[in-house]
C-alpha atoms as a PDB file:
ATOM      1  CA  MET A   1     -66.652  75.359  58.749  1.00  0.00           C
ATOM      2  CA  LYS A   2     -69.175  77.417  56.762  1.00  0.00           C
ATOM      3  CA  THR A   3     -68.177  80.561  58.676  1.00  0.00           C
ATOM      4  CA  LEU A   4     -64.519  79.998  57.875  1.00  0.00           C
ATOM      5  CA  THR A   5     -65.164  79.594  54.140  1.00  0.00           C
ATOM      6  CA  LYS A   6     -67.417  82.673  54.092  1.00  0.00           C
ATOM      7  CA  SER A   7     -64.760  84.827  55.746  1.00  0.00           C
ATOM      8  CA  MET A   8     -62.081  83.510  53.387  1.00  0.00           C
ATOM      9  CA  SER A   9     -64.193  84.164  50.307  1.00  0.00           C
ATOM     10  CA  LYS A  10     -64.654  87.876  51.117  1.00  0.00           C
ATOM     11  CA  LYS A  11     -62.543  90.230  49.053  1.00  0.00           C
ATOM     12  CA  THR A  12     -59.617  91.800  50.865  1.00  0.00           C
ATOM     13  CA  PRO A  13     -58.572  95.411  50.224  1.00  0.00           C
ATOM     14  CA  PRO A  14     -55.317  95.992  48.322  1.00  0.00           C
ATOM     15  CA  THR A  15     -52.277  96.165  50.566  1.00  0.00           C
ATOM     16  CA  LEU A  16     -48.776  97.576  50.533  1.00  0.00           C
ATOM     17  CA  GLY A  17     -46.811  95.175  52.639  1.00  0.00           C
ATOM     18  CA  TYR A  18     -48.814  94.791  55.834  1.00  0.00           C
ATOM     19  CA  GLU A  19     -50.901  97.979  55.650  1.00  0.00           C
ATOM     20  CA  THR A  20     -54.183  98.531  53.852  1.00  0.00           C
ATOM     21  CA  VAL A  21     -54.341 101.289  51.241  1.00  0.00           C
ATOM     22  CA  PRO A  22     -56.809 104.087  52.081  1.00  0.00           C
ATOM     23  CA  PRO A  23     -59.326 105.103  49.430  1.00  0.00           C
ATOM     24  CA  LYS A  24     -58.385 107.938  47.080  1.00  0.00           C
ATOM     25  CA  ARG A  25     -59.335 111.377  48.328  1.00  0.00           C
ATOM     26  CA  GLY A  26     -61.872 113.299  46.271  1.00  0.00           C
ATOM     27  CA  LEU A  27     -61.504 116.864  45.068  1.00  0.00           C
ATOM     28  CA  ASN A  28     -62.353 119.716  47.427  1.00  0.00           C
ATOM     29  CA  ALA A  29     -64.588 121.216  44.726  1.00  0.00           C
ATOM     30  CA  ASP A  30     -66.785 118.111  44.970  1.00  0.00           C
ATOM     31  CA  ARG A  31     -67.292 118.677  48.704  1.00  0.00           C
ATOM     32  CA  ARG A  32     -67.750 122.454  48.835  1.00  0.00           C
ATOM     33  CA  PRO A  33     -68.155 125.155  46.204  1.00  0.00           C
ATOM     34  CA  ARG A  34     -65.428 127.523  47.480  1.00  0.00           C
ATOM     35  CA  GLU A  35     -62.332 127.626  49.672  1.00  0.00           C
ATOM     36  CA  TYR A  36     -62.760 131.015  51.348  1.00  0.00           C
ATOM     37  CA  LEU A  37     -65.121 133.026  53.557  1.00  0.00           C
ATOM     38  CA  THR A  38     -67.212 135.859  52.169  1.00  0.00           C
ATOM     39  CA  CYS A  39     -67.309 139.339  53.738  1.00  0.00           C
ATOM     40  CA  LYS A  40     -70.764 138.658  55.173  1.00  0.00           C
ATOM     41  CA  GLU A  41     -69.578 135.431  56.806  1.00  0.00           C
ATOM     42  CA  VAL A  42     -66.601 137.217  58.374  1.00  0.00           C
ATOM     43  CA  GLU A  43     -68.898 139.981  59.666  1.00  0.00           C
ATOM     44  CA  ARG A  44     -71.158 137.351  61.244  1.00  0.00           C
ATOM     45  CA  LEU A  45     -68.142 135.697  62.896  1.00  0.00           C
ATOM     46  CA  MET A  46     -67.026 139.057  64.276  1.00  0.00           C
ATOM     47  CA  THR A  47     -70.531 139.842  65.569  1.00  0.00           C
ATOM     48  CA  VAL A  48     -70.653 136.564  67.457  1.00  0.00           C
ATOM     49  CA  ALA A  49     -67.133 137.128  68.806  1.00  0.00           C
ATOM     50  CA  LYS A  50     -68.101 140.615  70.088  1.00  0.00           C
ATOM     51  CA  SER A  51     -71.212 139.380  71.889  1.00  0.00           C
ATOM     52  CA  ALA A  52     -71.627 140.643  75.467  1.00  0.00           C
ATOM     53  CA  GLU A  53     -71.268 137.170  76.958  1.00  0.00           C
ATOM     54  CA  ARG A  54     -67.650 136.850  75.857  1.00  0.00           C
ATOM     55  CA  ARG A  55     -64.812 138.213  77.965  1.00  0.00           C
ATOM     56  CA  TYR A  56     -62.346 138.877  75.132  1.00  0.00           C
ATOM     57  CA  GLY A  57     -64.845 139.545  72.372  1.00  0.00           C
ATOM     58  CA  LEU A  58     -63.217 142.662  70.958  1.00  0.00           C
ATOM     59  CA  ARG A  59     -59.814 140.945  70.850  1.00  0.00           C
ATOM     60  CA  ASP A  60     -61.262 137.877  69.119  1.00  0.00           C
ATOM     61  CA  ALA A  61     -63.129 139.979  66.553  1.00  0.00           C
ATOM     62  CA  THR A  62     -59.965 141.960  65.852  1.00  0.00           C
ATOM     63  CA  MET A  63     -57.969 138.765  65.274  1.00  0.00           C
ATOM     64  CA  ILE A  64     -60.623 137.480  62.871  1.00  0.00           C
ATOM     65  CA  LEU A  65     -60.505 140.758  60.949  1.00  0.00           C
ATOM     66  CA  ILE A  66     -56.690 140.786  60.805  1.00  0.00           C
ATOM     67  CA  CYS A  67     -56.599 137.217  59.509  1.00  0.00           C
ATOM     68  CA  PHE A  68     -59.219 137.953  56.875  1.00  0.00           C
ATOM     69  CA  ARG A  69     -57.729 141.209  55.614  1.00  0.00           C
ATOM     70  CA  HIS A  70     -54.111 140.088  55.564  1.00  0.00           C
ATOM     71  CA  GLY A  71     -54.571 136.433  54.672  1.00  0.00           C
ATOM     72  CA  LEU A  72     -52.891 135.170  57.817  1.00  0.00           C
ATOM     73  CA  ARG A  73     -52.974 131.568  58.910  1.00  0.00           C
ATOM     74  CA  VAL A  74     -53.628 130.818  62.579  1.00  0.00           C
ATOM     75  CA  THR A  75     -49.973 129.947  63.209  1.00  0.00           C
ATOM     76  CA  GLU A  76     -48.901 133.249  61.659  1.00  0.00           C
ATOM     77  CA  LEU A  77     -51.388 135.123  63.815  1.00  0.00           C
ATOM     78  CA  CYS A  78     -49.996 133.418  66.918  1.00  0.00           C
ATOM     79  CA  THR A  79     -46.426 134.415  66.029  1.00  0.00           C
ATOM     80  CA  LEU A  80     -47.242 138.126  65.711  1.00  0.00           C
ATOM     81  CA  THR A  81     -45.480 140.252  68.280  1.00  0.00           C
ATOM     82  CA  ARG A  82     -46.326 143.607  69.812  1.00  0.00           C
ATOM     83  CA  ASP A  83     -43.267 145.187  68.230  1.00  0.00           C
ATOM     84  CA  VAL A  84     -44.377 147.589  65.524  1.00  0.00           C
ATOM     85  CA  ASN A  85     -41.690 149.334  63.484  1.00  0.00           C
ATOM     86  CA  ALA A  86     -42.648 152.735  62.094  1.00  0.00           C
ATOM     87  CA  GLY A  87     -40.929 153.511  58.797  1.00  0.00           C
ATOM     88  CA  ALA A  88     -39.587 156.885  57.694  1.00  0.00           C
ATOM     89  CA  ASN A  89     -42.754 157.624  55.732  1.00  0.00           C
ATOM     90  CA  GLY A  90     -45.069 156.594  58.579  1.00  0.00           C
ATOM     91  CA  ASP A  91     -45.771 153.056  57.395  1.00  0.00           C
ATOM     92  CA  GLN A  92     -46.122 150.522  60.183  1.00  0.00           C
ATOM     93  CA  ARG A  93     -44.943 146.951  59.896  1.00  0.00           C
ATOM     94  CA  ALA A  94     -45.482 143.953  62.173  1.00  0.00           C
ATOM     95  CA  GLY A  95     -43.274 140.901  61.884  1.00  0.00           C
ATOM     96  CA  ALA A  96     -44.913 137.759  60.483  1.00  0.00           C
ATOM     97  CA  LYS A  97     -44.759 135.234  57.622  1.00  0.00           C
ATOM     98  CA  GLY A  98     -41.236 133.984  57.987  1.00  0.00           C
ATOM     99  CA  SER A  99     -39.597 137.022  59.562  1.00  0.00           C
ATOM    100  CA  GLN A 100     -37.541 135.857  62.503  1.00  0.00           C
END
């Protein structure tokens, strides 16, 4: 009987219907000071990717560099195609970011 009264006296978390409400999420600034990689961090990532033990190191380092320089997300990187259109003035353009 004591166990039953102890369990009933414990506070229950607030609910919406039948589900419990998760705690409020804190700000990202409280967890980490910035939301981006620095040039030195990207260079270190590329160095590790190019290491001799990796089969596709040059490819991986190139993808890291492309993402960093052009601000691509991983999904946008994956949707890039090999088709490159050369403009009249010599500019080259690859399809990404919403181009279908």
